[in-house]
C-alpha atoms as a PDB file:
ATOM      1  CA  MET A   1     -36.284  98.761 -68.177  1.00  0.00           C
ATOM      2  CA  ARG A   2     -39.957  98.052 -69.158  1.00  0.00           C
ATOM      3  CA  LEU A   3     -42.858 100.181 -66.990  1.00  0.00           C
ATOM      4  CA  ARG A   4     -46.775  99.332 -66.760  1.00  0.00           C
ATOM      5  CA  VAL A   5     -49.087 102.158 -66.363  1.00  0.00           C
ATOM      6  CA  GLU A   6     -52.537 101.871 -64.640  1.00  0.00           C
ATOM      7  CA  PHE A   7     -54.788 105.412 -64.747  1.00  0.00           C
ATOM      8  CA  THR A   8     -58.411 106.283 -64.246  1.00  0.00           C
ATOM      9  CA  THR A   9     -59.554 110.067 -64.445  1.00  0.00           C
ATOM     10  CA  GLU A  10     -62.470 111.615 -63.077  1.00  0.00           C
ATOM     11  CA  PRO A  11     -65.345 112.679 -62.420  1.00  0.00           C
ATOM     12  CA  PHE A  12     -66.577 109.259 -63.196  1.00  0.00           C
ATOM     13  CA  ASP A  13     -69.996 109.343 -65.704  1.00  0.00           C
ATOM     14  CA  LEU A  14     -71.689 106.058 -66.067  1.00  0.00           C
ATOM     15  CA  GLU A  15     -73.789 107.101 -69.305  1.00  0.00           C
ATOM     16  CA  GLU A  16     -71.047 108.172 -71.402  1.00  0.00           C
ATOM     17  CA  ALA A  17     -67.304 108.532 -71.744  1.00  0.00           C
ATOM     18  CA  PRO A  18     -66.484 112.090 -70.735  1.00  0.00           C
ATOM     19  CA  ALA A  19     -64.055 114.150 -72.464  1.00  0.00           C
ATOM     20  CA  HIS A  20     -60.950 113.905 -70.151  1.00  0.00           C
ATOM     21  CA  ALA A  21     -61.670 109.848 -70.103  1.00  0.00           C
ATOM     22  CA  VAL A  22     -61.494 110.039 -74.129  1.00  0.00           C
ATOM     23  CA  ALA A  23     -58.308 112.569 -74.459  1.00  0.00           C
ATOM     24  CA  ALA A  24     -56.564 109.748 -71.946  1.00  0.00           C
ATOM     25  CA  ARG A  25     -57.651 107.210 -73.834  1.00  0.00           C
ATOM     26  CA  GLU A  26     -56.531 108.375 -76.878  1.00  0.00           C
ATOM     27  CA  VAL A  27     -53.259 109.167 -75.559  1.00  0.00           C
ATOM     28  CA  ILE A  28     -52.671 105.681 -74.349  1.00  0.00           C
ATOM     29  CA  GLN A  29     -53.732 104.017 -77.882  1.00  0.00           C
ATOM     30  CA  LYS A  30     -52.008 106.500 -79.682  1.00  0.00           C
ATOM     31  CA  ALA A  31     -48.232 105.923 -78.137  1.00  0.00           C
ATOM     32  CA  GLN A  32     -45.736 103.412 -78.804  1.00  0.00           C
ATOM     33  CA  LEU A  33     -46.948 101.039 -76.081  1.00  0.00           C
ATOM     34  CA  ASP A  34     -47.788  97.747 -75.459  1.00  0.00           C
ATOM     35  CA  ALA A  35     -50.429  95.504 -73.820  1.00  0.00           C
ATOM     36  CA  VAL A  36     -52.935  98.315 -73.486  1.00  0.00           C
ATOM     37  CA  ASP A  37     -56.094  97.574 -72.065  1.00  0.00           C
ATOM     38  CA  VAL A  38     -58.676 100.431 -71.811  1.00  0.00           C
ATOM     39  CA  GLY A  39     -61.456  99.756 -69.484  1.00  0.00           C
ATOM     40  CA  PRO A  40     -64.617 101.735 -67.980  1.00  0.00           C
ATOM     41  CA  PHE A  41     -62.785 101.895 -64.801  1.00  0.00           C
ATOM     42  CA  GLY A  42     -59.334 101.304 -65.261  1.00  0.00           C
ATOM     43  CA  ASN A  43     -56.843 101.339 -67.920  1.00  0.00           C
ATOM     44  CA  THR A  44     -53.270 100.031 -68.637  1.00  0.00           C
ATOM     45  CA  ALA A  45     -50.575 100.048 -70.749  1.00  0.00           C
ATOM     46  CA  GLU A  46     -46.775  98.385 -70.626  1.00  0.00           C
ATOM     47  CA  GLY A  47     -43.575  99.468 -72.802  1.00  0.00           C
ATOM     48  CA  GLU A  48     -40.156 100.921 -72.267  1.00  0.00           C
ATOM     49  CA  THR A  49     -39.646 103.683 -69.793  1.00  0.00           C
ATOM     50  CA  ASP A  50     -39.310 106.541 -72.204  1.00  0.00           C
ATOM     51  CA  GLU A  51     -42.272 105.734 -73.963  1.00  0.00           C
ATOM     52  CA  VAL A  52     -44.582 105.602 -71.207  1.00  0.00           C
ATOM     53  CA  LEU A  53     -43.131 108.195 -69.056  1.00  0.00           C
ATOM     54  CA  THR A  54     -43.662 110.511 -72.506  1.00  0.00           C
ATOM     55  CA  ALA A  55     -47.447 108.736 -72.653  1.00  0.00           C
ATOM     56  CA  VAL A  56     -47.806 109.590 -68.756  1.00  0.00           C
ATOM     57  CA  THR A  57     -47.050 113.360 -69.219  1.00  0.00           C
ATOM     58  CA  ALA A  58     -49.262 113.898 -72.687  1.00  0.00           C
ATOM     59  CA  LEU A  59     -52.025 111.939 -70.670  1.00  0.00           C
ATOM     60  CA  LEU A  60     -51.930 114.277 -67.767  1.00  0.00           C
ATOM     61  CA  ARG A  61     -51.468 117.246 -69.726  1.00  0.00           C
ATOM     62  CA  ASP A  62     -54.624 116.378 -72.264  1.00  0.00           C
ATOM     63  CA  SER A  63     -57.043 114.636 -69.711  1.00  0.00           C
ATOM     64  CA  LEU A  64     -56.700 117.829 -67.356  1.00  0.00           C
ATOM     65  CA  ALA A  65     -57.121 120.484 -69.807  1.00  0.00           C
ATOM     66  CA  ALA A  66     -60.179 118.211 -71.116  1.00  0.00           C
ATOM     67  CA  GLY A  67     -61.813 118.578 -67.389  1.00  0.00           C
ATOM     68  CA  ALA A  68     -60.414 115.903 -65.121  1.00  0.00           C
ATOM     69  CA  THR A  69     -60.377 116.825 -61.592  1.00  0.00           C
ATOM     70  CA  ARG A  70     -58.568 113.919 -60.626  1.00  0.00           C
ATOM     71  CA  VAL A  71     -55.926 111.477 -62.154  1.00  0.00           C
ATOM     72  CA  SER A  72     -55.014 108.594 -60.449  1.00  0.00           C
ATOM     73  CA  LEU A  73     -52.147 106.483 -61.790  1.00  0.00           C
ATOM     74  CA  GLN A  74     -49.830 103.879 -60.491  1.00  0.00           C
ATOM     75  CA  VAL A  75     -46.471 103.171 -62.532  1.00  0.00           C
ATOM     76  CA  ASN A  76     -44.616 100.019 -61.537  1.00  0.00           C
ATOM     77  CA  VAL A  77     -41.492  98.415 -62.888  1.00  0.00           C
ATOM     78  CA  ILE A  78     -41.697  94.638 -64.756  1.00  0.00           C
ATOM     79  CA  ARG A  79     -39.492  92.392 -62.983  1.00  0.00           C
ATOM     80  CA  GLU A  80     -37.620  90.556 -66.310  1.00  0.00           C
ATOM     81  CA  GLU A  81     -37.753  86.814 -65.332  1.00  0.00           C
ATOM     82  CA  THR A  82     -34.793  85.256 -65.210  1.00  0.00           C
ATOM     83  CA  PRO A  83     -34.417  81.333 -66.113  1.00  0.00           C
END
């Protein structure tokens, strides 16, 4: 099964990326995920179930340790298209 994860970390800082946002992005960028899109207000990535769930665990652990006060996250199943 393939999953898509979307996440943001808070508090926001419009001047520069806070340490918790950098930590979360580094986890996602180092993970073996596809379609990684890192932006200032939201981030997404796709991958197989085990890889996404492993990355989400590390993302929560690292971003909270780096000072995040909130992590908003959504995980969706990507349905396979049938011909």
